[in-house]
N, C-alpha and C. Protein backbone atom coordinates (compact mmCIF):
# COMPACT_ATOMS: atom_id res chain seq x y z
N UNK A 1 -69.33 81.93 -40.17
CA UNK A 1 -68.43 83.02 -40.52
C UNK A 1 -67.12 82.46 -40.95
N UNK A 2 -66.73 82.65 -42.15
CA UNK A 2 -65.46 82.14 -42.66
C UNK A 2 -64.39 83.21 -42.49
N UNK A 3 -63.17 82.83 -42.77
CA UNK A 3 -61.99 83.72 -42.55
C UNK A 3 -62.09 84.94 -43.44
N UNK A 4 -62.57 84.84 -44.65
CA UNK A 4 -62.60 85.94 -45.54
C UNK A 4 -63.67 86.99 -44.98
N UNK A 5 -64.77 86.51 -44.57
CA UNK A 5 -65.79 87.42 -44.05
C UNK A 5 -65.26 88.10 -42.80
N UNK A 6 -64.63 87.37 -41.92
CA UNK A 6 -64.06 87.93 -40.73
C UNK A 6 -63.07 89.04 -41.03
N UNK A 7 -62.15 88.80 -42.00
CA UNK A 7 -61.18 89.77 -42.36
C UNK A 7 -61.84 90.98 -42.97
N UNK A 8 -62.80 90.83 -43.81
CA UNK A 8 -63.44 91.96 -44.45
C UNK A 8 -64.27 92.77 -43.44
N UNK A 9 -64.91 92.11 -42.48
CA UNK A 9 -65.75 92.77 -41.52
C UNK A 9 -64.92 93.72 -40.66
N UNK A 10 -63.67 93.34 -40.38
CA UNK A 10 -62.78 94.09 -39.54
C UNK A 10 -61.68 94.88 -40.26
N UNK A 11 -61.65 94.76 -41.59
CA UNK A 11 -60.62 95.42 -42.38
C UNK A 11 -59.24 95.10 -41.86
N UNK A 12 -58.94 93.78 -41.71
CA UNK A 12 -57.69 93.35 -41.06
C UNK A 12 -56.65 92.98 -42.15
N UNK A 13 -55.40 93.13 -41.78
CA UNK A 13 -54.30 92.57 -42.55
C UNK A 13 -54.30 91.05 -42.43
N UNK A 14 -53.55 90.41 -43.37
CA UNK A 14 -53.48 88.98 -43.29
C UNK A 14 -52.88 88.43 -42.00
N UNK A 15 -51.90 89.14 -41.50
CA UNK A 15 -51.24 88.69 -40.31
C UNK A 15 -52.14 88.76 -39.08
N UNK A 16 -52.88 89.83 -38.99
CA UNK A 16 -53.77 89.97 -37.81
C UNK A 16 -54.95 89.01 -38.00
N UNK A 17 -55.41 88.83 -39.18
CA UNK A 17 -56.46 87.79 -39.42
C UNK A 17 -56.04 86.43 -38.97
N UNK A 18 -54.80 86.08 -39.31
CA UNK A 18 -54.25 84.79 -38.94
C UNK A 18 -54.15 84.61 -37.47
N UNK A 19 -53.86 85.72 -36.76
CA UNK A 19 -53.74 85.63 -35.30
C UNK A 19 -55.12 85.47 -34.64
N UNK A 20 -56.12 86.17 -35.15
CA UNK A 20 -57.35 86.37 -34.35
C UNK A 20 -58.55 85.56 -34.86
N UNK A 21 -58.52 85.01 -36.05
CA UNK A 21 -59.73 84.35 -36.61
C UNK A 21 -60.17 83.25 -35.67
N UNK A 22 -59.28 82.35 -35.35
CA UNK A 22 -59.63 81.14 -34.56
C UNK A 22 -60.16 81.50 -33.12
N UNK A 23 -59.39 82.31 -32.38
CA UNK A 23 -59.89 82.64 -31.00
C UNK A 23 -61.18 83.43 -30.98
N UNK A 24 -61.28 84.39 -31.88
CA UNK A 24 -62.48 85.21 -31.88
C UNK A 24 -63.71 84.38 -32.36
N UNK A 25 -63.53 83.58 -33.39
CA UNK A 25 -64.64 82.68 -33.85
C UNK A 25 -65.10 81.73 -32.73
N UNK A 26 -64.13 81.12 -32.04
CA UNK A 26 -64.50 80.20 -31.00
C UNK A 26 -65.21 80.87 -29.85
N UNK A 27 -64.77 82.06 -29.50
CA UNK A 27 -65.41 82.86 -28.42
C UNK A 27 -66.83 83.23 -28.79
N UNK A 28 -67.05 83.67 -30.03
CA UNK A 28 -68.34 84.05 -30.52
C UNK A 28 -69.31 82.87 -30.45
N UNK A 29 -68.83 81.71 -30.88
CA UNK A 29 -69.67 80.51 -30.79
C UNK A 29 -69.98 80.06 -29.37
N UNK A 30 -68.98 80.26 -28.50
CA UNK A 30 -69.20 79.85 -27.06
C UNK A 30 -70.31 80.68 -26.47
N UNK A 31 -70.36 81.97 -26.77
CA UNK A 31 -71.32 82.86 -26.16
C UNK A 31 -72.47 83.28 -27.05
N UNK A 32 -72.85 82.42 -27.98
CA UNK A 32 -74.05 82.56 -28.82
C UNK A 32 -74.08 83.87 -29.63
N UNK A 33 -72.90 84.37 -30.08
CA UNK A 33 -72.84 85.47 -30.95
C UNK A 33 -72.88 84.82 -32.34
N UNK A 34 -74.03 84.37 -32.76
CA UNK A 34 -74.15 83.39 -33.76
C UNK A 34 -75.09 83.73 -34.93
N UNK A 35 -75.44 84.98 -35.06
CA UNK A 35 -76.28 85.42 -36.28
C UNK A 35 -75.49 86.60 -36.90
N UNK A 36 -75.78 86.84 -38.15
CA UNK A 36 -75.12 87.98 -38.80
C UNK A 36 -75.19 89.31 -38.06
N UNK A 37 -76.42 89.59 -37.51
CA UNK A 37 -76.61 90.85 -36.82
C UNK A 37 -75.74 90.91 -35.50
N UNK A 38 -75.70 89.85 -34.81
CA UNK A 38 -74.86 89.75 -33.60
C UNK A 38 -73.41 89.84 -33.96
N UNK A 39 -72.95 89.14 -34.93
CA UNK A 39 -71.61 89.12 -35.26
C UNK A 39 -71.16 90.51 -35.74
N UNK A 40 -71.89 91.14 -36.63
CA UNK A 40 -71.52 92.43 -37.11
C UNK A 40 -71.40 93.44 -36.00
N UNK A 41 -72.34 93.49 -35.09
CA UNK A 41 -72.28 94.47 -34.03
C UNK A 41 -71.13 94.18 -33.05
N UNK A 42 -70.91 92.84 -32.76
CA UNK A 42 -69.81 92.52 -31.89
C UNK A 42 -68.46 92.84 -32.46
N UNK A 43 -68.25 92.50 -33.70
CA UNK A 43 -66.95 92.76 -34.36
C UNK A 43 -66.68 94.23 -34.48
N UNK A 44 -67.75 95.02 -34.77
CA UNK A 44 -67.55 96.50 -34.83
C UNK A 44 -67.14 97.06 -33.49
N UNK A 45 -67.70 96.60 -32.41
CA UNK A 45 -67.35 97.11 -31.11
C UNK A 45 -65.99 96.67 -30.69
N UNK A 46 -65.60 95.40 -30.94
CA UNK A 46 -64.28 95.02 -30.45
C UNK A 46 -63.20 95.67 -31.37
N UNK A 47 -63.56 95.92 -32.59
CA UNK A 47 -62.63 96.69 -33.49
C UNK A 47 -62.31 98.00 -32.91
N UNK A 48 -63.31 98.70 -32.46
CA UNK A 48 -63.10 100.00 -31.79
C UNK A 48 -62.32 99.88 -30.47
N UNK A 49 -62.76 99.02 -29.63
CA UNK A 49 -62.18 98.89 -28.27
C UNK A 49 -60.71 98.50 -28.25
N UNK A 50 -60.36 97.75 -29.32
CA UNK A 50 -58.98 97.20 -29.34
C UNK A 50 -58.07 97.82 -30.43
N UNK A 51 -58.54 98.89 -31.02
CA UNK A 51 -57.69 99.49 -32.05
C UNK A 51 -57.46 98.55 -33.21
N UNK A 52 -58.54 97.88 -33.66
CA UNK A 52 -58.37 96.97 -34.72
C UNK A 52 -57.66 95.69 -34.35
N UNK A 53 -57.95 95.20 -33.16
CA UNK A 53 -57.46 93.94 -32.61
C UNK A 53 -55.94 94.04 -32.46
N UNK A 54 -55.41 95.22 -32.10
CA UNK A 54 -53.97 95.43 -31.89
C UNK A 54 -53.61 95.90 -30.47
N UNK A 55 -54.59 96.33 -29.70
CA UNK A 55 -54.32 96.96 -28.38
C UNK A 55 -55.11 96.20 -27.33
N UNK A 56 -54.39 95.42 -26.54
CA UNK A 56 -55.07 94.54 -25.52
C UNK A 56 -54.98 95.21 -24.16
N UNK A 57 -54.32 96.33 -23.94
CA UNK A 57 -54.26 96.99 -22.64
C UNK A 57 -54.53 98.51 -22.84
N UNK A 58 -55.41 98.99 -21.95
CA UNK A 58 -55.79 100.39 -22.04
C UNK A 58 -54.61 101.29 -21.83
N UNK A 59 -54.52 102.29 -22.71
CA UNK A 59 -53.52 103.33 -22.64
C UNK A 59 -54.13 104.52 -21.94
N UNK A 60 -53.22 105.17 -21.19
CA UNK A 60 -53.62 106.50 -20.58
C UNK A 60 -52.70 107.62 -21.12
N UNK A 61 -52.42 107.48 -22.40
CA UNK A 61 -51.56 108.46 -23.13
C UNK A 61 -52.44 109.60 -23.64
N UNK A 62 -52.84 110.49 -22.70
CA UNK A 62 -53.81 111.54 -23.01
C UNK A 62 -53.17 112.92 -22.96
N UNK A 63 -53.58 113.75 -23.87
CA UNK A 63 -53.26 115.13 -23.73
C UNK A 63 -53.98 115.70 -22.50
N UNK A 64 -53.49 116.79 -21.91
CA UNK A 64 -54.13 117.37 -20.70
C UNK A 64 -55.58 117.64 -20.90
N UNK A 65 -55.91 118.26 -22.01
CA UNK A 65 -57.33 118.60 -22.20
C UNK A 65 -58.22 117.37 -22.34
N UNK A 66 -57.66 116.30 -22.91
CA UNK A 66 -58.40 115.07 -23.05
C UNK A 66 -58.72 114.43 -21.77
N UNK A 67 -57.95 114.64 -20.73
CA UNK A 67 -58.19 114.05 -19.43
C UNK A 67 -59.53 114.48 -18.83
N UNK A 68 -60.18 115.47 -19.44
CA UNK A 68 -61.46 115.91 -18.92
C UNK A 68 -62.49 114.77 -19.00
N UNK A 69 -62.21 113.71 -19.78
CA UNK A 69 -63.18 112.67 -19.84
C UNK A 69 -63.27 111.87 -18.53
N UNK A 70 -62.20 112.09 -17.71
CA UNK A 70 -62.14 111.43 -16.38
C UNK A 70 -62.50 112.48 -15.31
N UNK A 71 -63.69 112.45 -14.87
CA UNK A 71 -64.14 113.48 -13.96
C UNK A 71 -63.35 113.43 -12.62
N UNK A 72 -62.78 112.26 -12.31
CA UNK A 72 -62.10 112.07 -11.04
C UNK A 72 -60.62 112.51 -11.11
N UNK A 73 -60.16 112.87 -12.30
CA UNK A 73 -58.81 113.46 -12.43
C UNK A 73 -58.97 115.00 -12.29
N UNK A 74 -58.52 115.54 -11.20
CA UNK A 74 -58.76 117.01 -10.97
C UNK A 74 -58.20 117.81 -12.09
N UNK A 75 -58.94 118.94 -12.39
CA UNK A 75 -58.51 119.83 -13.52
C UNK A 75 -57.16 120.39 -13.18
N UNK A 76 -56.85 120.63 -11.88
CA UNK A 76 -55.60 121.25 -11.52
C UNK A 76 -54.40 120.30 -11.77
N UNK A 77 -54.63 119.07 -11.94
CA UNK A 77 -53.61 118.04 -12.12
C UNK A 77 -53.41 117.68 -13.62
N UNK A 78 -54.32 118.01 -14.46
CA UNK A 78 -54.32 117.56 -15.87
C UNK A 78 -53.06 117.97 -16.62
N UNK A 79 -52.65 119.21 -16.48
CA UNK A 79 -51.49 119.67 -17.22
C UNK A 79 -50.22 118.94 -16.80
N UNK A 80 -50.12 118.61 -15.54
CA UNK A 80 -48.96 117.85 -15.03
C UNK A 80 -48.97 116.36 -15.50
N UNK A 81 -50.16 115.76 -15.40
CA UNK A 81 -50.27 114.31 -15.61
C UNK A 81 -50.35 113.99 -17.11
N UNK A 82 -50.97 114.88 -17.89
CA UNK A 82 -51.16 114.61 -19.31
C UNK A 82 -49.86 114.70 -20.08
N UNK A 83 -49.98 114.33 -21.45
CA UNK A 83 -48.80 114.33 -22.31
C UNK A 83 -48.30 115.75 -22.55
N UNK A 84 -47.02 115.97 -22.20
CA UNK A 84 -46.35 117.25 -22.32
C UNK A 84 -45.98 117.53 -23.75
N UNK A 85 -45.81 118.77 -24.17
CA UNK A 85 -45.53 119.06 -25.62
C UNK A 85 -44.29 118.40 -26.17
N UNK A 86 -43.33 118.09 -25.25
CA UNK A 86 -42.12 117.42 -25.69
C UNK A 86 -42.11 115.94 -25.65
N UNK A 87 -43.26 115.37 -25.34
CA UNK A 87 -43.40 113.92 -25.19
C UNK A 87 -44.27 113.35 -26.30
N UNK A 88 -43.94 112.12 -26.68
CA UNK A 88 -44.78 111.41 -27.62
C UNK A 88 -45.73 110.46 -26.90
N UNK A 89 -45.31 110.08 -25.68
CA UNK A 89 -46.10 109.22 -24.84
C UNK A 89 -46.00 109.60 -23.34
N UNK A 90 -47.11 109.58 -22.66
CA UNK A 90 -47.05 109.87 -21.21
C UNK A 90 -46.26 108.70 -20.54
N UNK A 91 -45.22 109.05 -19.73
CA UNK A 91 -44.46 107.98 -19.05
C UNK A 91 -45.40 107.07 -18.25
N UNK A 92 -44.97 105.84 -18.09
CA UNK A 92 -45.80 104.83 -17.40
C UNK A 92 -46.19 105.27 -15.99
N UNK A 93 -45.27 105.86 -15.30
CA UNK A 93 -45.63 106.25 -13.93
C UNK A 93 -46.78 107.28 -13.88
N UNK A 94 -46.79 108.20 -14.80
CA UNK A 94 -47.89 109.18 -14.85
C UNK A 94 -49.19 108.50 -15.35
N UNK A 95 -49.06 107.57 -16.27
CA UNK A 95 -50.24 106.81 -16.70
C UNK A 95 -50.87 106.05 -15.52
N UNK A 96 -49.96 105.51 -14.72
CA UNK A 96 -50.42 104.81 -13.52
C UNK A 96 -51.19 105.72 -12.60
N UNK A 97 -50.68 106.94 -12.37
CA UNK A 97 -51.40 107.93 -11.57
C UNK A 97 -52.72 108.26 -12.13
N UNK A 98 -52.80 108.50 -13.44
CA UNK A 98 -54.06 108.79 -14.11
C UNK A 98 -55.09 107.67 -13.85
N UNK A 99 -54.66 106.46 -14.08
CA UNK A 99 -55.61 105.30 -13.89
C UNK A 99 -56.09 105.17 -12.48
N UNK A 100 -55.20 105.39 -11.54
CA UNK A 100 -55.58 105.21 -10.18
C UNK A 100 -56.53 106.31 -9.66
N UNK A 101 -56.37 107.51 -10.23
CA UNK A 101 -57.30 108.61 -9.94
C UNK A 101 -58.64 108.29 -10.62
N UNK A 102 -58.58 107.99 -11.88
CA UNK A 102 -59.83 107.87 -12.69
C UNK A 102 -60.73 106.71 -12.20
N UNK A 103 -60.12 105.63 -11.74
CA UNK A 103 -60.87 104.43 -11.46
C UNK A 103 -60.98 104.06 -9.94
N UNK A 104 -60.59 104.97 -9.12
CA UNK A 104 -60.62 104.70 -7.58
C UNK A 104 -62.04 104.60 -7.17
N UNK A 105 -62.26 103.68 -6.21
CA UNK A 105 -63.52 103.61 -5.42
C UNK A 105 -64.71 103.40 -6.37
N UNK A 106 -64.52 102.59 -7.39
CA UNK A 106 -65.59 102.31 -8.36
C UNK A 106 -65.60 100.77 -8.62
N UNK A 107 -66.78 100.18 -8.61
CA UNK A 107 -66.96 98.81 -9.03
C UNK A 107 -65.94 97.86 -8.33
N UNK A 108 -65.81 98.00 -7.01
CA UNK A 108 -64.94 97.12 -6.30
C UNK A 108 -63.49 97.60 -6.18
N UNK A 109 -63.08 98.60 -6.90
CA UNK A 109 -61.74 99.10 -6.75
C UNK A 109 -61.59 99.81 -5.43
N UNK A 110 -60.34 99.74 -4.89
CA UNK A 110 -60.04 100.48 -3.65
C UNK A 110 -59.76 101.91 -3.97
N UNK A 111 -59.17 102.66 -2.98
CA UNK A 111 -58.92 104.04 -3.17
C UNK A 111 -57.74 104.29 -4.01
N UNK A 112 -57.36 105.55 -4.24
CA UNK A 112 -56.25 105.91 -5.15
C UNK A 112 -54.95 105.16 -4.78
N UNK A 113 -54.75 105.04 -3.47
CA UNK A 113 -53.47 104.43 -2.99
C UNK A 113 -53.44 102.90 -3.12
N UNK A 114 -54.61 102.33 -3.36
CA UNK A 114 -54.63 100.86 -3.50
C UNK A 114 -53.98 100.37 -4.79
N UNK A 115 -53.91 101.25 -5.78
CA UNK A 115 -53.36 100.88 -7.09
C UNK A 115 -54.36 100.02 -7.92
N UNK A 116 -55.60 99.92 -7.48
CA UNK A 116 -56.53 99.06 -8.24
C UNK A 116 -56.90 99.69 -9.60
N UNK A 117 -56.85 101.03 -9.71
CA UNK A 117 -57.20 101.65 -10.93
C UNK A 117 -56.28 101.19 -12.07
N UNK A 118 -54.96 101.10 -11.77
CA UNK A 118 -54.00 100.62 -12.75
C UNK A 118 -54.06 99.15 -12.87
N UNK A 119 -54.19 98.45 -11.76
CA UNK A 119 -54.18 96.97 -11.72
C UNK A 119 -55.33 96.43 -12.52
N UNK A 120 -56.48 97.06 -12.46
CA UNK A 120 -57.66 96.56 -13.11
C UNK A 120 -58.12 97.49 -14.26
N UNK A 121 -57.13 98.08 -14.99
CA UNK A 121 -57.39 98.88 -16.15
C UNK A 121 -57.88 97.98 -17.29
N UNK A 122 -58.37 98.57 -18.39
CA UNK A 122 -58.95 97.81 -19.40
C UNK A 122 -57.92 96.85 -20.09
N UNK A 123 -58.41 95.61 -20.27
CA UNK A 123 -57.61 94.63 -21.01
C UNK A 123 -58.51 93.74 -21.78
N UNK A 124 -57.94 93.07 -22.77
CA UNK A 124 -58.68 92.16 -23.65
C UNK A 124 -59.31 92.90 -24.79
N UNK A 125 -60.03 92.20 -25.70
CA UNK A 125 -60.57 92.84 -26.86
C UNK A 125 -61.80 93.74 -26.56
N UNK A 126 -62.35 93.56 -25.34
CA UNK A 126 -63.41 94.47 -24.97
C UNK A 126 -62.89 95.50 -23.95
N UNK A 127 -61.71 95.31 -23.46
CA UNK A 127 -61.18 96.20 -22.38
C UNK A 127 -62.00 96.01 -21.07
N UNK A 128 -61.94 94.80 -20.57
CA UNK A 128 -62.54 94.58 -19.24
C UNK A 128 -61.87 95.43 -18.19
N UNK A 129 -62.69 96.16 -17.37
CA UNK A 129 -62.15 97.17 -16.48
C UNK A 129 -62.84 97.02 -15.11
N UNK A 130 -62.11 97.31 -14.03
CA UNK A 130 -62.54 97.31 -12.65
C UNK A 130 -62.45 95.98 -12.02
N UNK A 131 -62.25 95.98 -10.71
CA UNK A 131 -62.10 94.74 -9.91
C UNK A 131 -63.31 93.84 -10.04
N UNK A 132 -64.52 94.35 -9.93
CA UNK A 132 -65.69 93.46 -9.95
C UNK A 132 -65.89 92.83 -11.30
N UNK A 133 -65.60 93.49 -12.38
CA UNK A 133 -65.66 92.91 -13.70
C UNK A 133 -64.64 91.87 -13.92
N UNK A 134 -63.45 92.09 -13.44
CA UNK A 134 -62.43 91.03 -13.55
C UNK A 134 -62.81 89.85 -12.73
N UNK A 135 -63.39 90.05 -11.53
CA UNK A 135 -63.83 88.93 -10.72
C UNK A 135 -64.89 88.11 -11.40
N UNK A 136 -65.91 88.79 -11.93
CA UNK A 136 -67.05 88.07 -12.62
C UNK A 136 -66.54 87.41 -13.89
N UNK A 137 -65.69 88.05 -14.63
CA UNK A 137 -65.15 87.45 -15.84
C UNK A 137 -64.25 86.19 -15.54
N UNK A 138 -63.52 86.31 -14.56
CA UNK A 138 -62.65 85.17 -14.10
C UNK A 138 -63.51 83.99 -13.72
N UNK A 139 -64.55 84.21 -12.94
CA UNK A 139 -65.41 83.12 -12.53
C UNK A 139 -66.07 82.46 -13.75
N UNK A 140 -66.45 83.26 -14.72
CA UNK A 140 -67.13 82.68 -15.90
C UNK A 140 -66.16 81.93 -16.79
N UNK A 141 -64.89 82.39 -16.86
CA UNK A 141 -63.93 81.76 -17.71
C UNK A 141 -63.08 80.71 -17.03
N UNK A 142 -63.25 80.59 -15.72
CA UNK A 142 -62.48 79.62 -14.97
C UNK A 142 -61.05 79.92 -14.73
N UNK A 143 -60.72 81.23 -14.58
CA UNK A 143 -59.32 81.63 -14.30
C UNK A 143 -59.33 82.68 -13.26
N UNK A 144 -58.23 82.82 -12.49
CA UNK A 144 -58.19 83.82 -11.47
C UNK A 144 -57.68 85.13 -12.06
N UNK A 145 -58.55 85.97 -12.53
CA UNK A 145 -58.17 87.22 -13.11
C UNK A 145 -57.84 88.30 -12.07
N UNK A 146 -58.35 88.17 -10.90
CA UNK A 146 -57.98 89.15 -9.85
C UNK A 146 -56.47 89.01 -9.52
N UNK A 147 -55.98 87.80 -9.46
CA UNK A 147 -54.57 87.60 -9.19
C UNK A 147 -53.69 87.78 -10.45
N UNK A 148 -54.29 87.49 -11.58
CA UNK A 148 -53.55 87.53 -12.84
C UNK A 148 -54.23 88.38 -13.92
N UNK A 149 -54.53 89.68 -13.71
CA UNK A 149 -55.25 90.45 -14.67
C UNK A 149 -54.58 90.51 -16.05
N UNK A 150 -53.25 90.42 -16.10
CA UNK A 150 -52.52 90.52 -17.36
C UNK A 150 -52.86 89.35 -18.31
N UNK A 151 -53.48 88.29 -17.81
CA UNK A 151 -53.83 87.16 -18.68
C UNK A 151 -54.70 87.72 -19.87
N UNK A 152 -55.55 88.70 -19.62
CA UNK A 152 -56.37 89.21 -20.66
C UNK A 152 -55.61 89.96 -21.75
N UNK A 153 -54.34 90.28 -21.44
CA UNK A 153 -53.54 91.04 -22.42
C UNK A 153 -52.43 90.09 -23.03
N UNK A 154 -52.28 88.90 -22.48
CA UNK A 154 -51.19 88.06 -22.95
C UNK A 154 -51.69 86.73 -23.51
N UNK A 155 -52.93 86.36 -23.27
CA UNK A 155 -53.49 85.13 -23.75
C UNK A 155 -54.64 85.48 -24.80
N UNK A 156 -54.40 85.27 -26.04
CA UNK A 156 -55.36 85.67 -27.04
C UNK A 156 -56.72 85.00 -26.90
N UNK A 157 -56.68 83.75 -26.45
CA UNK A 157 -57.96 83.05 -26.25
C UNK A 157 -58.77 83.67 -25.15
N UNK A 158 -58.08 84.03 -24.09
CA UNK A 158 -58.83 84.77 -22.96
C UNK A 158 -59.22 86.15 -23.38
N UNK A 159 -58.37 86.81 -24.15
CA UNK A 159 -58.71 88.14 -24.58
C UNK A 159 -60.02 88.17 -25.41
N UNK A 160 -60.15 87.12 -26.23
CA UNK A 160 -61.35 87.03 -27.04
C UNK A 160 -62.57 86.52 -26.23
N UNK A 161 -62.37 85.52 -25.38
CA UNK A 161 -63.46 84.99 -24.55
C UNK A 161 -63.97 86.00 -23.59
N UNK A 162 -63.10 86.92 -23.02
CA UNK A 162 -63.52 87.90 -22.06
C UNK A 162 -64.46 88.88 -22.76
N UNK A 163 -64.17 89.26 -24.00
CA UNK A 163 -65.02 90.14 -24.75
C UNK A 163 -66.39 89.51 -25.00
N UNK A 164 -66.37 88.29 -25.47
CA UNK A 164 -67.62 87.60 -25.76
C UNK A 164 -68.44 87.35 -24.52
N UNK A 165 -67.76 87.01 -23.36
CA UNK A 165 -68.48 86.85 -22.13
C UNK A 165 -69.18 88.13 -21.73
N UNK A 166 -68.49 89.28 -21.74
CA UNK A 166 -69.06 90.54 -21.38
C UNK A 166 -70.33 90.80 -22.23
N UNK A 167 -70.13 90.62 -23.51
CA UNK A 167 -71.20 90.83 -24.53
C UNK A 167 -72.43 90.02 -24.13
N UNK A 168 -72.28 88.78 -23.92
CA UNK A 168 -73.39 87.87 -23.56
C UNK A 168 -73.99 88.19 -22.17
N UNK A 169 -73.13 88.37 -21.20
CA UNK A 169 -73.59 88.60 -19.83
C UNK A 169 -74.35 89.90 -19.61
N UNK A 170 -74.07 90.89 -20.48
CA UNK A 170 -74.78 92.16 -20.33
C UNK A 170 -75.79 92.50 -21.34
N UNK A 171 -76.29 91.49 -21.99
CA UNK A 171 -77.45 91.68 -22.86
C UNK A 171 -77.21 92.26 -24.19
N UNK A 172 -75.96 92.19 -24.66
CA UNK A 172 -75.68 92.82 -26.01
C UNK A 172 -76.31 92.04 -27.17
N UNK A 173 -76.49 90.71 -27.01
CA UNK A 173 -77.07 89.99 -28.05
C UNK A 173 -78.51 90.51 -28.32
N UNK A 174 -79.23 90.72 -27.25
CA UNK A 174 -80.65 91.18 -27.39
C UNK A 174 -80.69 92.54 -28.09
N UNK A 175 -79.75 93.46 -27.70
CA UNK A 175 -79.70 94.75 -28.35
C UNK A 175 -79.36 94.64 -29.81
N UNK A 176 -78.43 93.77 -30.12
CA UNK A 176 -78.04 93.55 -31.54
C UNK A 176 -79.15 92.93 -32.34
N UNK A 177 -79.96 92.07 -31.73
CA UNK A 177 -81.10 91.48 -32.44
C UNK A 177 -82.06 92.53 -32.85
N UNK A 178 -82.22 93.57 -32.03
CA UNK A 178 -83.14 94.65 -32.38
C UNK A 178 -82.53 95.71 -33.29
N UNK A 179 -81.25 95.54 -33.59
CA UNK A 179 -80.51 96.54 -34.39
C UNK A 179 -80.22 97.79 -33.65
N UNK A 180 -80.23 97.72 -32.31
CA UNK A 180 -80.01 98.89 -31.50
C UNK A 180 -78.54 99.03 -31.17
N UNK A 181 -77.77 99.50 -32.08
CA UNK A 181 -76.33 99.54 -31.92
C UNK A 181 -75.94 100.59 -30.91
N UNK A 182 -76.73 101.67 -30.74
CA UNK A 182 -76.48 102.70 -29.73
C UNK A 182 -76.59 102.12 -28.36
N UNK A 183 -77.60 101.22 -28.12
CA UNK A 183 -77.70 100.63 -26.87
C UNK A 183 -76.53 99.72 -26.54
N UNK A 184 -75.99 99.01 -27.55
CA UNK A 184 -74.80 98.24 -27.41
C UNK A 184 -73.66 99.05 -26.86
N UNK A 185 -73.46 100.26 -27.44
CA UNK A 185 -72.41 101.15 -27.04
C UNK A 185 -72.66 101.62 -25.63
N UNK A 186 -73.96 101.91 -25.27
CA UNK A 186 -74.12 102.33 -23.90
C UNK A 186 -73.79 101.25 -22.88
N UNK A 187 -74.12 100.00 -23.26
CA UNK A 187 -73.75 98.88 -22.41
C UNK A 187 -72.22 98.75 -22.21
N UNK A 188 -71.55 98.90 -23.25
CA UNK A 188 -70.09 98.71 -23.27
C UNK A 188 -69.31 99.91 -22.71
N UNK A 189 -69.79 101.11 -23.06
CA UNK A 189 -69.04 102.32 -22.77
C UNK A 189 -69.71 103.30 -21.79
N UNK A 190 -70.94 103.05 -21.47
CA UNK A 190 -71.69 103.93 -20.62
C UNK A 190 -72.29 105.10 -21.35
N UNK A 191 -72.90 105.97 -20.63
CA UNK A 191 -73.68 107.13 -21.29
C UNK A 191 -72.81 108.04 -22.12
N UNK A 192 -71.49 107.98 -21.87
CA UNK A 192 -70.59 108.90 -22.68
C UNK A 192 -70.70 108.62 -24.19
N UNK A 193 -71.01 107.36 -24.58
CA UNK A 193 -71.11 107.00 -25.97
C UNK A 193 -69.82 107.42 -26.74
N UNK A 194 -68.70 107.07 -26.24
CA UNK A 194 -67.42 107.48 -26.78
C UNK A 194 -67.28 107.16 -28.24
N UNK A 195 -67.08 108.17 -28.99
CA UNK A 195 -66.76 108.00 -30.46
C UNK A 195 -67.79 107.14 -31.18
N UNK A 196 -69.07 107.38 -30.94
CA UNK A 196 -70.07 106.60 -31.52
C UNK A 196 -70.09 106.66 -33.04
N UNK A 197 -69.75 107.81 -33.64
CA UNK A 197 -69.72 107.89 -35.09
C UNK A 197 -68.69 106.90 -35.68
N UNK A 198 -67.56 106.82 -35.06
CA UNK A 198 -66.56 105.87 -35.60
C UNK A 198 -67.08 104.44 -35.37
N UNK A 199 -67.67 104.14 -34.22
CA UNK A 199 -68.17 102.75 -34.00
C UNK A 199 -69.23 102.45 -35.14
N UNK A 200 -70.07 103.38 -35.47
CA UNK A 200 -71.07 103.14 -36.47
C UNK A 200 -70.49 102.93 -37.83
N UNK A 201 -69.34 103.62 -38.14
CA UNK A 201 -68.63 103.39 -39.43
C UNK A 201 -68.19 101.92 -39.43
N UNK A 202 -67.62 101.45 -38.36
CA UNK A 202 -67.14 100.05 -38.25
C UNK A 202 -68.33 99.07 -38.36
N UNK A 203 -69.48 99.47 -37.81
CA UNK A 203 -70.66 98.59 -37.85
C UNK A 203 -71.11 98.49 -39.28
N UNK A 204 -71.14 99.63 -40.03
CA UNK A 204 -71.55 99.64 -41.39
C UNK A 204 -70.67 98.69 -42.25
N UNK A 205 -69.34 98.74 -42.00
CA UNK A 205 -68.42 97.88 -42.72
C UNK A 205 -68.71 96.40 -42.40
N UNK A 206 -68.94 96.09 -41.12
CA UNK A 206 -69.21 94.68 -40.76
C UNK A 206 -70.51 94.22 -41.33
N UNK A 207 -71.52 95.08 -41.36
CA UNK A 207 -72.82 94.72 -41.92
C UNK A 207 -72.64 94.41 -43.46
N UNK A 208 -71.87 95.19 -44.08
CA UNK A 208 -71.58 94.91 -45.54
C UNK A 208 -70.98 93.54 -45.70
N UNK A 209 -69.97 93.23 -44.83
CA UNK A 209 -69.33 91.93 -44.99
C UNK A 209 -70.27 90.78 -44.77
N UNK A 210 -71.27 90.97 -43.93
CA UNK A 210 -72.23 89.91 -43.60
C UNK A 210 -73.50 90.02 -44.45
N UNK A 211 -73.45 90.97 -45.48
CA UNK A 211 -74.60 91.13 -46.39
C UNK A 211 -75.85 91.48 -45.70
N UNK A 212 -75.76 92.37 -44.64
CA UNK A 212 -76.92 92.83 -43.90
C UNK A 212 -77.32 94.15 -44.56
N UNK A 213 -78.53 94.29 -44.96
CA UNK A 213 -79.06 95.50 -45.59
C UNK A 213 -79.14 96.65 -44.58
């Protein structure tokens, strides 16, 4: 995969291509994302998860009605916690509350008061989320992500490697080999299949870049 193909597959500006080509390419090679089908599917998914390789930390800047995607955020609290009509962004403290409610007592996270929901919110190009995923990712990459979760948002090499590690460790290469892009989304995002139509648009663009029929 050369720089031009990478840029075309992700529809990137020159500056973002310059930033990400080397770390993403190295991470893909490290974790055997090494065929056109695997590369196209991987790049499409990280494009979606990271807002075009520009967002390395999960945002909880939601309208009240949109908070319905988090079943653990009580309906009675959504109007208070969500973005108010006079706000462009939910203040950090309320975003913290949303994360702690949404992700409490799941995959190794403690309860709402532990702060783990916010501490282990999504980071990196894949948006690694939850205590147990940070622990497993850190072991695989040789860094202490439980103590330093922000490394996935501040170190581009780790941001890319964490995405490629998750992809490999959870069987996404096999799904990509079969052309089962929906299964890749289920692995990454769960049964909700968040914005699958947009992901498939990105996949189509990446397949074109890699000359996949």
